[in-house]
Amino acid sequence: MRRTRLVLLLAVTCLLAGPVVAGPASAITNGSLDGNGHPAVGGLVSPTQYADGTWIYCSGTLISPTVFLTAAHCAENGEPVRVTFDADYVKGDRLYNGTFYSDPAYPGTSADSHDIAVVVLSRAVRGITPALLPTAGSLSSLSSSQTFTSVGYGAYDVTNSPGGHRYLYDDRRMVAVGTLNAINKTWLRISMNASTGDGGTCYGDSGGPNFLGQTDVIAAITITGDAVCRATNVTYRLDTGSARAFLSDYVVLP
């Protein structure tokens, strides 16, 4: 799975998500290094190194000892993939092998993209407590001041030069906090506007978690956002009937 291919897939996702979405979501911006803050958050590791020396192309979260939650656009259904939970990944770090399973209804429609997937790992992960999932319909009445903690391995900065925008990666897990911007039946749009103190996601953060406030409950997974990672993190709700129907085949739901 090449990063360039992921950008094209994310661009398709943007069209599905509606007019607010102008481009793919990636790395954590206006954030900080996560360290050991969220050990259940991991990354999908490419079998070949990218030109910039990095390896990770999507993010995700352990939701049971053998199930890793991510986005459907990150790989092909049935594809063998590799997962790391190292906060600062380098070649040779421990990897977990697994098989990628996407929602059969993906890519869905603009109303519900079904952009959700899991990796079923070949062996259980020990020493890491899985993150929690929300209860059914629990996100429908969120306050406009509700914050979300976004975590992932995506681009940490976007520069602008005569050659265009450049996205910078370093395979390090990062964290940022954003505020609720808008909500509908399947999507949460989270502000990542640095001028208001918010941070958010960028390319490579796709599939990563957006925790409800400072809790261990994953409200939604990162799917897309504006093309230069400055305004809005568009995320797929996990409390909906469609998300829960898919997840119930792999984990026990709250």
C-alpha atoms as a PDB file:
ATOM      1  CA  MET A   1       0.000   0.000   0.000  1.00  0.00           C
ATOM      2  CA  ARG A   2       1.706   3.191  -1.173  1.00  0.00           C
ATOM      3  CA  ARG A   3       1.049   6.571   0.427  1.00  0.00           C
ATOM      4  CA  THR A   4       0.368   8.111  -2.990  1.00  0.00           C
ATOM      5  CA  ARG A   5      -2.380   5.570  -3.495  1.00  0.00           C
ATOM      6  CA  LEU A   6      -3.879   6.454  -0.128  1.00  0.00           C
ATOM      7  CA  VAL A   7      -4.077  10.109  -1.109  1.00  0.00           C
ATOM      8  CA  LEU A   8      -6.142   9.170  -4.155  1.00  0.00           C
ATOM      9  CA  LEU A   9      -8.448   7.001  -2.049  1.00  0.00           C
ATOM     10  CA  LEU A  10      -8.885   9.790   0.473  1.00  0.00           C
ATOM     11  CA  ALA A  11      -9.753  12.221  -2.306  1.00  0.00           C
ATOM     12  CA  VAL A  12     -12.581   9.884  -3.340  1.00  0.00           C
ATOM     13  CA  THR A  13     -13.716   9.770   0.281  1.00  0.00           C
ATOM     14  CA  CYS A  14     -13.854  13.570   0.333  1.00  0.00           C
ATOM     15  CA  LEU A  15     -16.334  13.539  -2.534  1.00  0.00           C
ATOM     16  CA  LEU A  16     -18.495  11.061  -0.645  1.00  0.00           C
ATOM     17  CA  ALA A  17     -18.400  13.037   2.587  1.00  0.00           C
ATOM     18  CA  GLY A  18     -20.030  16.156   1.171  1.00  0.00           C
ATOM     19  CA  PRO A  19     -19.130  19.709   0.229  1.00  0.00           C
ATOM     20  CA  VAL A  20     -17.463  20.640   3.512  1.00  0.00           C
ATOM     21  CA  VAL A  21     -14.708  18.160   2.823  1.00  0.00           C
ATOM     22  CA  ALA A  22     -12.008  19.419   0.493  1.00  0.00           C
ATOM     23  CA  GLY A  23      -9.319  16.770   0.900  1.00  0.00           C
ATOM     24  CA  PRO A  24      -7.975  13.800   2.828  1.00  0.00           C
ATOM     25  CA  ALA A  25      -7.192  13.678   6.516  1.00  0.00           C
ATOM     26  CA  SER A  26      -3.723  12.861   7.640  1.00  0.00           C
ATOM     27  CA  ALA A  27      -1.415  13.590  10.533  1.00  0.00           C
ATOM     28  CA  ILE A  28      -1.721  15.355  13.821  1.00  0.00           C
ATOM     29  CA  THR A  29      -1.260  19.120  13.481  1.00  0.00           C
ATOM     30  CA  ASN A  30      -0.953  21.760  16.212  1.00  0.00           C
ATOM     31  CA  GLY A  31      -0.399  18.890  18.628  1.00  0.00           C
ATOM     32  CA  SER A  32       2.364  17.249  20.603  1.00  0.00           C
ATOM     33  CA  LEU A  33       4.193  13.949  20.909  1.00  0.00           C
ATOM     34  CA  ASP A  34       1.980  11.352  22.592  1.00  0.00           C
ATOM     35  CA  GLY A  35       4.703   9.206  24.173  1.00  0.00           C
ATOM     36  CA  ASN A  36       2.965   6.615  26.361  1.00  0.00           C
ATOM     37  CA  GLY A  37      -0.263   8.610  26.551  1.00  0.00           C
ATOM     38  CA  HIS A  38      -2.317   6.323  24.297  1.00  0.00           C
ATOM     39  CA  PRO A  39      -0.579   2.944  24.017  1.00  0.00           C
ATOM     40  CA  ALA A  40      -3.616   1.323  22.346  1.00  0.00           C
ATOM     41  CA  VAL A  41      -3.160   3.564  19.283  1.00  0.00           C
ATOM     42  CA  GLY A  42      -1.041   2.029  16.557  1.00  0.00           C
ATOM     43  CA  GLY A  43      -0.148   2.378  12.904  1.00  0.00           C
ATOM     44  CA  LEU A  44      -0.293   0.286   9.745  1.00  0.00           C
ATOM     45  CA  VAL A  45       3.245  -0.308   8.521  1.00  0.00           C
ATOM     46  CA  SER A  46       4.144  -0.530   4.847  1.00  0.00           C
ATOM     47  CA  PRO A  47       6.345  -3.466   3.762  1.00  0.00           C
ATOM     48  CA  THR A  48       8.512  -0.988   1.849  1.00  0.00           C
ATOM     49  CA  GLN A  49       9.964   2.323   2.992  1.00  0.00           C
ATOM     50  CA  TYR A  50       8.657   5.590   1.545  1.00  0.00           C
ATOM     51  CA  ALA A  51      10.995   8.059  -0.176  1.00  0.00           C
ATOM     52  CA  ASP A  52      11.046  10.288   2.917  1.00  0.00           C
ATOM     53  CA  GLY A  53      12.268   7.387   5.081  1.00  0.00           C
ATOM     54  CA  THR A  54       8.959   6.672   6.809  1.00  0.00           C
ATOM     55  CA  TRP A  55       6.865   3.488   7.002  1.00  0.00           C
ATOM     56  CA  ILE A  56       3.434   4.169   8.516  1.00  0.00           C
ATOM     57  CA  TYR A  57       0.514   4.986   6.198  1.00  0.00           C
ATOM     58  CA  CYS A  58      -2.604   4.820   8.417  1.00  0.00           C
ATOM     59  CA  SER A  59      -3.509   4.846  12.102  1.00  0.00           C
ATOM     60  CA  GLY A  60      -5.891   2.843  14.283  1.00  0.00           C
ATOM     61  CA  THR A  61      -6.713   1.560  17.743  1.00  0.00           C
ATOM     62  CA  LEU A  62      -6.687  -1.750  19.593  1.00  0.00           C
ATOM     63  CA  ILE A  63     -10.292  -2.484  20.684  1.00  0.00           C
ATOM     64  CA  SER A  64      -9.726  -6.063  21.863  1.00  0.00           C
ATOM     65  CA  PRO A  65      -6.541  -8.098  22.351  1.00  0.00           C
ATOM     66  CA  THR A  66      -6.860  -9.356  18.745  1.00  0.00           C
ATOM     67  CA  VAL A  67      -8.845  -6.603  16.964  1.00  0.00           C
ATOM     68  CA  PHE A  68      -7.426  -3.316  15.634  1.00  0.00           C
ATOM     69  CA  LEU A  69      -9.898  -0.665  14.447  1.00  0.00           C
ATOM     70  CA  THR A  70      -9.100   1.513  11.405  1.00  0.00           C
ATOM     71  CA  ALA A  71     -10.628   2.956   8.194  1.00  0.00           C
ATOM     72  CA  ALA A  72     -11.778   0.928   5.201  1.00  0.00           C
ATOM     73  CA  HIS A  73      -9.869   3.066   2.693  1.00  0.00           C
ATOM     74  CA  CYS A  74      -6.539   2.095   4.299  1.00  0.00           C
ATOM     75  CA  ALA A  75      -6.222  -1.342   2.640  1.00  0.00           C
ATOM     76  CA  GLU A  76      -8.034  -3.963   0.581  1.00  0.00           C
ATOM     77  CA  ASN A  77     -10.457  -6.434   2.128  1.00  0.00           C
ATOM     78  CA  GLY A  78      -8.618  -9.646   3.010  1.00  0.00           C
ATOM     79  CA  GLU A  79      -5.179  -8.038   2.610  1.00  0.00           C
ATOM     80  CA  PRO A  80      -2.431  -9.108   5.049  1.00  0.00           C
ATOM     81  CA  VAL A  81      -1.183  -6.081   6.993  1.00  0.00           C
ATOM     82  CA  ARG A  82       1.239  -5.238   9.799  1.00  0.00           C
ATOM     83  CA  VAL A  83       0.595  -3.137  12.902  1.00  0.00           C
ATOM     84  CA  THR A  84       2.958  -1.339  15.288  1.00  0.00           C
ATOM     85  CA  PHE A  85       2.161   0.148  18.696  1.00  0.00           C
ATOM     86  CA  ASP A  86       5.535   1.838  19.137  1.00  0.00           C
ATOM     87  CA  ALA A  87       5.221   5.560  19.836  1.00  0.00           C
ATOM     88  CA  ASP A  88       8.339   6.267  17.755  1.00  0.00           C
ATOM     89  CA  TYR A  89       8.512   3.580  15.081  1.00  0.00           C
ATOM     90  CA  VAL A  90      11.775   2.540  13.463  1.00  0.00           C
ATOM     91  CA  LYS A  91      12.491  -0.454  11.277  1.00  0.00           C
ATOM     92  CA  GLY A  92      12.999  -3.554  13.397  1.00  0.00           C
ATOM     93  CA  ASP A  93      10.447  -2.626  16.077  1.00  0.00           C
ATOM     94  CA  ARG A  94       7.894  -5.268  16.979  1.00  0.00           C
ATOM     95  CA  LEU A  95       5.093  -5.795  14.470  1.00  0.00           C
ATOM     96  CA  TYR A  96       1.824  -7.685  14.717  1.00  0.00           C
ATOM     97  CA  ASN A  97       0.574  -9.475  11.599  1.00  0.00           C
ATOM     98  CA  GLY A  98      -3.105  -9.553  10.783  1.00  0.00           C
ATOM     99  CA  THR A  99      -5.787  -9.639   8.119  1.00  0.00           C
ATOM    100  CA  PHE A 100      -7.704  -6.535   7.031  1.00  0.00           C
ATOM    101  CA  TYR A 101     -11.522  -6.718   6.938  1.00  0.00           C
ATOM    102  CA  SER A 102     -13.564  -3.744   5.738  1.00  0.00           C
ATOM    103  CA  ASP A 103     -17.282  -3.096   6.058  1.00  0.00           C
ATOM    104  CA  PRO A 104     -18.878  -4.946   3.100  1.00  0.00           C
ATOM    105  CA  ALA A 105     -21.029  -1.847   2.429  1.00  0.00           C
ATOM    106  CA  TYR A 106     -17.977   0.401   1.845  1.00  0.00           C
ATOM    107  CA  PRO A 107     -17.768   2.863   0.035  1.00  0.00           C
ATOM    108  CA  GLY A 108     -21.449   3.481   0.715  1.00  0.00           C
ATOM    109  CA  THR A 109     -22.985   6.902   0.079  1.00  0.00           C
ATOM    110  CA  SER A 110     -22.544  10.496   1.210  1.00  0.00           C
ATOM    111  CA  ALA A 111     -25.053   9.790   3.971  1.00  0.00           C
ATOM    112  CA  ASP A 112     -23.064   6.818   5.269  1.00  0.00           C
ATOM    113  CA  SER A 113     -19.707   5.912   3.707  1.00  0.00           C
ATOM    114  CA  HIS A 114     -19.246   2.743   5.815  1.00  0.00           C
ATOM    115  CA  ASP A 115     -15.541   3.700   5.884  1.00  0.00           C
ATOM    116  CA  ILE A 116     -14.667   1.415   8.774  1.00  0.00           C
ATOM    117  CA  ALA A 117     -12.495  -1.694   9.023  1.00  0.00           C
ATOM    118  CA  VAL A 118     -10.693  -3.942  11.460  1.00  0.00           C
ATOM    119  CA  VAL A 119      -7.477  -5.880  11.422  1.00  0.00           C
ATOM    120  CA  VAL A 120      -7.821  -9.296  13.042  1.00  0.00           C
ATOM    121  CA  LEU A 121      -4.399  -9.977  14.516  1.00  0.00           C
ATOM    122  CA  SER A 122      -2.822 -13.419  14.328  1.00  0.00           C
ATOM    123  CA  ARG A 123      -1.845 -13.246  18.009  1.00  0.00           C
ATOM    124  CA  ALA A 124      -3.163 -11.357  21.003  1.00  0.00           C
ATOM    125  CA  VAL A 125      -1.485  -8.129  22.061  1.00  0.00           C
ATOM    126  CA  ARG A 126      -0.339  -8.321  25.666  1.00  0.00           C
ATOM    127  CA  GLY A 127       0.440  -5.459  28.004  1.00  0.00           C
ATOM    128  CA  ILE A 128      -1.850  -2.946  26.258  1.00  0.00           C
ATOM    129  CA  THR A 129      -5.370  -2.241  27.485  1.00  0.00           C
ATOM    130  CA  PRO A 130      -7.794  -1.936  24.548  1.00  0.00           C
ATOM    131  CA  ALA A 131      -9.688   1.332  24.096  1.00  0.00           C
ATOM    132  CA  LEU A 132     -13.449   1.497  24.657  1.00  0.00           C
ATOM    133  CA  LEU A 133     -16.308   1.923  22.189  1.00  0.00           C
ATOM    134  CA  PRO A 134     -19.309   4.223  22.751  1.00  0.00           C
ATOM    135  CA  THR A 135     -22.781   2.951  23.573  1.00  0.00           C
ATOM    136  CA  ALA A 136     -25.517   3.088  20.957  1.00  0.00           C
ATOM    137  CA  GLY A 137     -26.640   6.626  20.111  1.00  0.00           C
ATOM    138  CA  SER A 138     -24.587   8.170  22.906  1.00  0.00           C
ATOM    139  CA  LEU A 139     -23.104  10.941  20.732  1.00  0.00           C
ATOM    140  CA  SER A 140     -26.342  12.373  19.392  1.00  0.00           C
ATOM    141  CA  SER A 141     -26.701  15.203  21.920  1.00  0.00           C
ATOM    142  CA  LEU A 142     -23.159  16.472  22.337  1.00  0.00           C
ATOM    143  CA  SER A 143     -22.542  20.022  23.504  1.00  0.00           C
ATOM    144  CA  SER A 144     -20.993  22.463  21.044  1.00  0.00           C
ATOM    145  CA  SER A 145     -18.116  22.803  23.520  1.00  0.00           C
ATOM    146  CA  GLN A 146     -17.358  19.072  23.505  1.00  0.00           C
ATOM    147  CA  THR A 147     -13.677  18.350  22.922  1.00  0.00           C
ATOM    148  CA  PHE A 148     -12.053  15.350  21.257  1.00  0.00           C
ATOM    149  CA  THR A 149      -8.547  13.971  21.581  1.00  0.00           C
ATOM    150  CA  SER A 150      -7.189  12.949  18.178  1.00  0.00           C
ATOM    151  CA  VAL A 151      -4.244  10.538  18.045  1.00  0.00           C
ATOM    152  CA  GLY A 152      -2.254   9.230  15.100  1.00  0.00           C
ATOM    153  CA  TYR A 153       0.974   8.902  13.130  1.00  0.00           C
ATOM    154  CA  GLY A 154       0.108  11.257  10.266  1.00  0.00           C
ATOM    155  CA  ALA A 155       1.864  14.337   8.980  1.00  0.00           C
ATOM    156  CA  TYR A 156       2.962  16.656  11.767  1.00  0.00           C
ATOM    157  CA  ASP A 157       3.307  19.755   9.581  1.00  0.00           C
ATOM    158  CA  VAL A 158       2.412  21.126   6.160  1.00  0.00           C
ATOM    159  CA  THR A 159       4.797  23.576   4.520  1.00  0.00           C
ATOM    160  CA  ASN A 160       4.134  25.824   1.543  1.00  0.00           C
ATOM    161  CA  SER A 161       6.867  26.562  -0.990  1.00  0.00           C
ATOM    162  CA  PRO A 162       7.088  27.490  -4.675  1.00  0.00           C
ATOM    163  CA  GLY A 163       6.760  23.781  -5.463  1.00  0.00           C
ATOM    164  CA  GLY A 164       3.490  23.499  -3.553  1.00  0.00           C
ATOM    165  CA  HIS A 165       2.503  22.032  -0.223  1.00  0.00           C
ATOM    166  CA  ARG A 166       4.782  19.480   1.402  1.00  0.00           C
ATOM    167  CA  TYR A 167       3.600  17.076   4.100  1.00  0.00           C
ATOM    168  CA  LEU A 168       6.161  16.122   6.749  1.00  0.00           C
ATOM    169  CA  TYR A 169       6.160  12.719   8.479  1.00  0.00           C
ATOM    170  CA  ASP A 170       8.311  11.058  11.117  1.00  0.00           C
ATOM    171  CA  ASP A 171       6.421   7.878  12.210  1.00  0.00           C
ATOM    172  CA  ARG A 172       5.873   9.271  15.713  1.00  0.00           C
ATOM    173  CA  ARG A 173       2.555   9.016  17.520  1.00  0.00           C
ATOM    174  CA  MET A 174       1.098  12.453  18.198  1.00  0.00           C
ATOM    175  CA  VAL A 175      -1.935  13.885  19.979  1.00  0.00           C
ATOM    176  CA  ALA A 176      -4.070  17.027  19.624  1.00  0.00           C
ATOM    177  CA  VAL A 177      -7.349  18.345  21.021  1.00  0.00           C
ATOM    178  CA  GLY A 178     -10.143  19.824  18.882  1.00  0.00           C
ATOM    179  CA  THR A 179     -13.669  21.079  19.513  1.00  0.00           C
ATOM    180  CA  LEU A 180     -16.948  19.906  18.010  1.00  0.00           C
ATOM    181  CA  ASN A 181     -17.867  21.860  14.877  1.00  0.00           C
ATOM    182  CA  ALA A 182     -20.908  19.969  13.554  1.00  0.00           C
ATOM    183  CA  ILE A 183     -22.654  16.612  13.845  1.00  0.00           C
ATOM    184  CA  ASN A 184     -25.052  14.583  11.713  1.00  0.00           C
ATOM    185  CA  LYS A 185     -26.278  10.985  11.690  1.00  0.00           C
ATOM    186  CA  THR A 186     -22.912   9.437  10.758  1.00  0.00           C
ATOM    187  CA  TRP A 187     -20.256  12.182  10.903  1.00  0.00           C
ATOM    188  CA  LEU A 188     -18.613  14.342  13.523  1.00  0.00           C
ATOM    189  CA  ARG A 189     -16.802  17.403  12.188  1.00  0.00           C
ATOM    190  CA  ILE A 190     -14.143  18.587  14.623  1.00  0.00           C
ATOM    191  CA  SER A 191     -12.461  21.982  14.481  1.00  0.00           C
ATOM    192  CA  MET A 192      -8.688  21.864  14.127  1.00  0.00           C
ATOM    193  CA  ASN A 193      -8.258  25.607  13.641  1.00  0.00           C
ATOM    194  CA  ALA A 194      -5.022  26.621  15.365  1.00  0.00           C
ATOM    195  CA  SER A 195      -6.212  30.239  15.692  1.00  0.00           C
ATOM    196  CA  THR A 196      -8.858  29.060  18.170  1.00  0.00           C
ATOM    197  CA  GLY A 197      -6.452  26.769  20.001  1.00  0.00           C
ATOM    198  CA  ASP A 198      -7.628  23.566  18.312  1.00  0.00           C
ATOM    199  CA  GLY A 199      -5.463  20.866  16.765  1.00  0.00           C
ATOM    200  CA  GLY A 200      -6.314  17.910  14.585  1.00  0.00           C
ATOM    201  CA  THR A 201      -5.389  15.425  11.928  1.00  0.00           C
ATOM    202  CA  CYS A 202      -3.640  15.158   8.565  1.00  0.00           C
ATOM    203  CA  TYR A 203      -2.604  12.541   5.955  1.00  0.00           C
ATOM    204  CA  GLY A 204      -1.643   9.300   7.713  1.00  0.00           C
ATOM    205  CA  ASP A 205      -4.053   9.780  10.645  1.00  0.00           C
ATOM    206  CA  SER A 206      -6.871   8.069   8.751  1.00  0.00           C
ATOM    207  CA  GLY A 207      -8.446   5.322  10.840  1.00  0.00           C
ATOM    208  CA  GLY A 208      -7.056   6.807  14.038  1.00  0.00           C
ATOM    209  CA  PRO A 209      -9.203   7.529  17.091  1.00  0.00           C
ATOM    210  CA  ASN A 210     -10.923  10.677  18.240  1.00  0.00           C
ATOM    211  CA  PHE A 211     -11.466  10.062  21.933  1.00  0.00           C
ATOM    212  CA  LEU A 212     -14.377  11.688  23.718  1.00  0.00           C
ATOM    213  CA  GLY A 213     -12.728  14.432  25.767  1.00  0.00           C
ATOM    214  CA  GLN A 214      -9.961  12.936  27.881  1.00  0.00           C
ATOM    215  CA  THR A 215     -11.622   9.517  28.182  1.00  0.00           C
ATOM    216  CA  ASP A 216     -10.639   6.159  26.642  1.00  0.00           C
ATOM    217  CA  VAL A 217     -13.896   6.045  24.651  1.00  0.00           C
ATOM    218  CA  ILE A 218     -13.419   6.342  20.875  1.00  0.00           C
ATOM    219  CA  ALA A 219     -16.208   8.599  19.637  1.00  0.00           C
ATOM    220  CA  ALA A 220     -15.208   8.404  15.972  1.00  0.00           C
ATOM    221  CA  ILE A 221     -12.392   7.492  13.600  1.00  0.00           C
ATOM    222  CA  THR A 222     -10.603   9.972  11.331  1.00  0.00           C
ATOM    223  CA  ILE A 223     -11.608   9.722   7.678  1.00  0.00           C
ATOM    224  CA  THR A 224     -10.866  12.983   5.879  1.00  0.00           C
ATOM    225  CA  GLY A 225     -10.626  16.774   6.155  1.00  0.00           C
ATOM    226  CA  ASP A 226      -9.467  19.851   4.291  1.00  0.00           C
ATOM    227  CA  ALA A 227      -6.591  19.351   1.868  1.00  0.00           C
ATOM    228  CA  VAL A 228      -3.944  21.255   3.834  1.00  0.00           C
ATOM    229  CA  CYS A 229      -4.964  20.023   7.304  1.00  0.00           C
ATOM    230  CA  ARG A 230      -5.883  23.381   8.820  1.00  0.00           C
ATOM    231  CA  ALA A 231      -9.637  23.572   9.340  1.00  0.00           C
ATOM    232  CA  THR A 232     -11.745  20.466   9.907  1.00  0.00           C
ATOM    233  CA  ASN A 233     -11.220  16.842  10.925  1.00  0.00           C
ATOM    234  CA  VAL A 234     -14.090  14.794   9.460  1.00  0.00           C
ATOM    235  CA  THR A 235     -14.693  11.631  11.477  1.00  0.00           C
ATOM    236  CA  TYR A 236     -16.975   8.572  11.285  1.00  0.00           C
ATOM    237  CA  ARG A 237     -19.192   8.032  14.326  1.00  0.00           C
ATOM    238  CA  LEU A 238     -18.950   4.687  16.132  1.00  0.00           C
ATOM    239  CA  ASP A 239     -22.253   4.877  18.036  1.00  0.00           C
ATOM    240  CA  THR A 240     -24.445   4.469  14.948  1.00  0.00           C
ATOM    241  CA  GLY A 241     -26.405   1.381  13.964  1.00  0.00           C
ATOM    242  CA  SER A 242     -24.299   0.777  10.852  1.00  0.00           C
ATOM    243  CA  ALA A 243     -20.950   1.086  12.638  1.00  0.00           C
ATOM    244  CA  ARG A 244     -22.126  -1.145  15.477  1.00  0.00           C
ATOM    245  CA  ALA A 245     -23.530  -3.739  13.066  1.00  0.00           C
ATOM    246  CA  PHE A 246     -20.102  -4.108  11.487  1.00  0.00           C
ATOM    247  CA  LEU A 247     -18.161  -4.075  14.762  1.00  0.00           C
ATOM    248  CA  SER A 248     -20.460  -6.612  16.423  1.00  0.00           C
ATOM    249  CA  ASP A 249     -19.008  -9.322  14.177  1.00  0.00           C
ATOM    250  CA  TYR A 250     -15.589  -8.806  15.804  1.00  0.00           C
ATOM    251  CA  VAL A 251     -16.023  -7.511  19.365  1.00  0.00           C
ATOM    252  CA  VAL A 252     -18.572  -7.449  22.174  1.00  0.00           C
ATOM    253  CA  LEU A 253     -20.236  -4.032  22.116  1.00  0.00           C
ATOM    254  CA  PRO A 254     -21.122  -1.941  25.184  1.00  0.00           C
END
